Amino acid sequence: MVRQLTEQELAVDPVVAARLLLGAVIESTTPDGVVGVRIVEVEAYRGGDDPASHCYRGRTPRNDVMFGPAGRLYVYFVYGMHFCANVVSLTDGVPGAVLLRAGEVVKGEDLAQMRRPAARSTAELAKGPARLTGVLGLDREHNGTDLTAESASVRLFAGDPATEIRTGPRVGVAVAVDVPWRFWIDSPAVSTYRRGTRRTRVR
């Protein structure tokens, strides 16, 4: 039986939550229809002890959602053109989140293709964090959505536990570039690894 993940399940260290999310399905309902994506690649980010995190320098209006409660959707704008989506973890008041890097469209493929007409294959529809957010139709308005609420427009469903999980450095970060907190399972939708280049500004 398909069930939603709960706040209690997600109120754990982001590294633990990252593994839990592999194989889970995030489903978004908009006026255009429903799109569901099976998560196949994620990255974990903590708070004060993770210099690559948005919360490393403290709480701000931008990163406020990352401080909980767990199970909320943290959506941010990057490079002036893309949205990225994260699932908040840890306990309320302690920052942490898991970036959704890539997934496989398992529901609403026609709508997903309309939103991503440049995709050359179904595997490319949600291959990368901006593409994943795009096929789900997520933007700033979804920031703070409770993914564990039955009535939410964006919901998170448990999947079969992932067994063969691979790990490696996170993609494109400017600091903590060798921390192996990117997790993925075998899928053609997993994004291409790009090692970050060091710069003074953190992620």
Protein backbone atom coordinates (compact mmCIF):
# COMPACT_ATOMS: atom_id res chain seq x y z
CA MET A 1 0.00 0.00 0.00
CA VAL A 2 1.38 3.41 -0.98
CA ARG A 3 1.67 5.76 2.00
CA GLN A 4 2.96 9.24 2.66
CA LEU A 5 6.17 9.65 4.57
CA THR A 6 5.72 11.22 7.99
CA GLU A 7 7.35 14.13 9.74
CA GLN A 8 8.75 11.73 12.33
CA GLU A 9 10.46 9.61 9.67
CA LEU A 10 12.09 12.67 8.15
CA ALA A 11 13.18 14.29 11.44
CA VAL A 12 16.60 12.63 11.24
CA ASP A 13 20.10 13.56 10.15
CA PRO A 14 20.08 14.65 6.48
CA VAL A 15 22.50 11.84 5.62
CA VAL A 16 19.97 9.33 6.98
CA ALA A 17 17.04 11.12 5.33
CA ALA A 18 18.90 11.12 2.00
CA ARG A 19 19.03 7.34 1.97
CA LEU A 20 15.36 7.13 2.99
CA LEU A 21 14.33 9.36 0.07
CA LEU A 22 15.96 7.21 -2.61
CA GLY A 23 13.13 5.33 -4.29
CA ALA A 24 10.46 7.54 -2.73
CA VAL A 25 7.99 9.37 -5.00
CA ILE A 26 7.29 13.10 -4.90
CA GLU A 27 3.95 13.98 -6.48
CA SER A 28 2.80 17.46 -7.47
CA THR A 29 -0.77 18.45 -8.29
CA THR A 30 -1.31 21.67 -10.27
CA PRO A 31 -4.21 23.00 -12.38
CA ASP A 32 -2.47 21.35 -15.36
CA GLY A 33 -2.53 17.89 -13.82
CA VAL A 34 -0.44 15.53 -11.67
CA VAL A 35 3.22 14.58 -12.11
CA GLY A 36 4.98 12.00 -9.96
CA VAL A 37 8.75 11.52 -9.86
CA ARG A 38 10.63 8.60 -8.29
CA ILE A 39 13.72 10.02 -6.60
CA VAL A 40 16.99 8.42 -7.73
CA GLU A 41 19.63 10.97 -6.68
CA VAL A 42 19.92 13.30 -3.68
CA GLU A 43 22.43 15.36 -1.70
CA ALA A 44 22.48 15.91 2.07
CA TYR A 45 23.15 19.32 3.64
CA ARG A 46 23.42 20.07 7.34
CA GLY A 47 23.52 23.49 9.01
CA GLY A 48 26.20 25.08 11.16
CA ASP A 49 28.77 22.32 10.64
CA ASP A 50 28.39 22.14 6.85
CA PRO A 51 30.05 25.07 5.03
CA ALA A 52 28.31 24.09 1.78
CA SER A 53 24.87 24.56 3.35
CA HIS A 54 22.61 27.58 2.96
CA CYS A 55 22.37 27.64 6.78
CA TYR A 56 26.07 27.70 7.55
CA ARG A 57 26.03 31.43 8.33
CA GLY A 58 22.79 31.33 10.31
CA ARG A 59 19.08 31.86 9.85
CA THR A 60 17.82 34.27 7.18
CA PRO A 61 14.47 34.90 5.47
CA ARG A 62 15.71 32.85 2.51
CA ASN A 63 16.70 29.71 4.45
CA ASP A 64 14.09 29.91 7.23
CA VAL A 65 12.22 26.82 6.02
CA MET A 66 15.38 24.73 6.43
CA PHE A 67 15.03 25.12 10.20
CA GLY A 68 11.96 22.90 10.24
CA PRO A 69 9.69 21.29 10.97
CA ALA A 70 10.85 18.23 9.05
CA GLY A 71 8.98 17.22 5.93
CA ARG A 72 8.63 20.75 4.55
CA LEU A 73 9.62 21.65 1.02
CA TYR A 74 12.46 24.15 0.74
CA VAL A 75 12.48 25.77 -2.71
CA TYR A 76 15.10 28.30 -3.73
CA PHE A 77 16.06 30.19 -6.88
CA VAL A 78 19.57 29.68 -8.28
CA TYR A 79 21.65 31.29 -11.05
CA GLY A 80 18.80 33.71 -11.68
CA MET A 81 16.82 31.17 -13.71
CA HIS A 82 16.19 27.84 -11.95
CA PHE A 83 14.33 26.54 -8.91
CA CYS A 84 15.68 23.69 -6.80
CA ALA A 85 13.70 21.61 -4.29
CA ASN A 86 14.79 20.17 -0.96
CA VAL A 87 13.13 18.06 1.73
CA VAL A 88 13.73 19.48 5.22
CA SER A 89 14.98 17.03 7.85
CA LEU A 90 16.27 17.09 11.45
CA THR A 91 14.21 18.34 14.40
CA ASP A 92 12.36 21.65 14.50
CA GLY A 93 14.82 24.51 14.95
CA VAL A 94 17.87 22.54 13.77
CA PRO A 95 18.66 23.18 10.08
CA GLY A 96 19.11 20.41 7.57
CA ALA A 97 17.72 19.36 4.19
CA VAL A 98 18.13 16.97 1.31
CA LEU A 99 18.41 18.35 -2.23
CA LEU A 100 16.42 16.37 -4.79
CA ARG A 101 18.92 16.01 -7.64
CA ALA A 102 17.25 13.66 -10.12
CA GLY A 103 14.34 11.31 -10.65
CA GLU A 104 12.30 9.17 -13.00
CA VAL A 105 8.84 10.35 -14.06
CA VAL A 106 6.37 7.65 -12.99
CA LYS A 107 3.10 9.58 -13.38
CA GLY A 108 1.97 12.29 -15.78
CA GLU A 109 4.65 11.71 -18.40
CA ASP A 110 2.74 13.65 -21.08
CA LEU A 111 2.55 16.74 -18.85
CA ALA A 112 6.21 16.34 -17.88
CA GLN A 113 7.18 16.27 -21.55
CA MET A 114 5.14 19.41 -22.19
CA ARG A 115 7.09 21.14 -19.43
CA ARG A 116 10.43 19.81 -20.70
CA PRO A 117 10.10 19.80 -24.50
CA ALA A 118 13.89 19.86 -24.95
CA ALA A 119 14.31 16.47 -23.25
CA ARG A 120 15.64 13.94 -25.74
CA SER A 121 14.41 10.93 -23.75
CA THR A 122 12.20 10.10 -20.76
CA ALA A 123 15.36 9.62 -18.67
CA GLU A 124 16.26 13.28 -19.26
CA LEU A 125 12.93 14.70 -18.09
CA ALA A 126 14.01 15.04 -14.44
CA LYS A 127 17.76 14.51 -14.80
CA GLY A 128 19.16 17.27 -12.62
CA PRO A 129 17.66 19.39 -9.81
CA ALA A 130 16.29 22.19 -12.00
CA ARG A 131 14.71 19.75 -14.46
CA LEU A 132 13.15 17.75 -11.61
CA THR A 133 11.62 20.88 -10.12
CA GLY A 134 10.50 22.00 -13.57
CA VAL A 135 8.59 18.83 -14.48
CA LEU A 136 6.84 19.00 -11.09
CA GLY A 137 5.84 22.62 -11.75
CA LEU A 138 7.39 23.86 -8.51
CA ASP A 139 8.37 27.46 -7.79
CA ARG A 140 8.65 29.92 -4.89
CA GLU A 141 4.96 29.53 -4.05
CA HIS A 142 5.62 25.95 -2.96
CA ASN A 143 8.32 26.92 -0.47
CA GLY A 144 7.27 25.67 2.97
CA THR A 145 4.71 23.14 1.72
CA ASP A 146 4.16 20.31 4.21
CA LEU A 147 4.92 17.22 2.12
CA THR A 148 3.48 14.98 4.86
CA ALA A 149 0.00 16.58 4.83
CA GLU A 150 -2.74 14.59 3.05
CA SER A 151 -4.25 17.75 1.56
CA ALA A 152 -0.97 19.26 0.29
CA SER A 153 -0.53 19.99 -3.42
CA VAL A 154 2.93 18.38 -3.22
CA ARG A 155 3.24 15.11 -1.34
CA LEU A 156 5.98 12.61 -0.59
CA PHE A 157 5.30 8.87 -0.71
CA ALA A 158 7.43 6.04 0.62
CA GLY A 159 9.05 3.76 -1.93
CA ASP A 160 10.67 0.36 -1.74
CA PRO A 161 13.81 0.58 0.42
CA ALA A 162 16.87 1.20 -1.74
CA THR A 163 19.47 -1.52 -1.42
CA GLU A 164 22.47 -0.73 -3.62
CA ILE A 165 23.13 2.91 -2.76
CA ARG A 166 26.18 4.64 -4.21
CA THR A 167 27.85 7.65 -2.64
CA GLY A 168 30.21 10.38 -3.78
CA PRO A 169 31.01 14.10 -3.51
CA ARG A 170 28.26 16.64 -3.95
CA VAL A 171 27.93 18.39 -7.31
CA GLY A 172 29.11 21.92 -8.00
CA VAL A 173 29.71 23.05 -4.40
CA ALA A 174 32.43 25.62 -3.75
CA VAL A 175 33.45 24.30 -0.30
CA ALA A 176 33.52 20.87 1.36
CA VAL A 177 33.93 19.57 -2.19
CA ASP A 178 35.05 16.07 -1.14
CA VAL A 179 32.33 15.36 1.42
CA PRO A 180 30.60 12.18 0.11
CA TRP A 181 27.02 13.25 0.76
CA ARG A 182 25.62 12.68 -2.71
CA PHE A 183 23.61 9.44 -2.85
CA TRP A 184 22.13 7.69 -5.86
CA ILE A 185 20.73 4.41 -7.10
CA ASP A 186 21.17 2.82 -10.50
CA SER A 187 19.13 4.78 -13.04
CA PRO A 188 19.70 6.47 -16.41
CA ALA A 189 18.18 9.60 -14.85
CA VAL A 190 21.11 10.15 -12.46
CA SER A 191 22.77 13.46 -13.31
CA THR A 192 26.32 13.97 -14.56
CA TYR A 193 28.90 14.65 -11.84
CA ARG A 194 30.59 18.05 -11.96
CA ARG A 195 33.20 18.79 -9.34
CA GLY A 196 32.79 22.24 -7.83
CA THR A 197 35.37 24.97 -8.07
CA ARG A 198 36.36 26.85 -4.94
CA ARG A 199 35.07 30.36 -4.48
CA THR A 200 34.49 32.62 -1.51
CA ARG A 201 30.67 32.41 -1.57
CA VAL A 202 29.12 29.25 -0.09
CA ARG A 203 26.27 27.31 -1.62
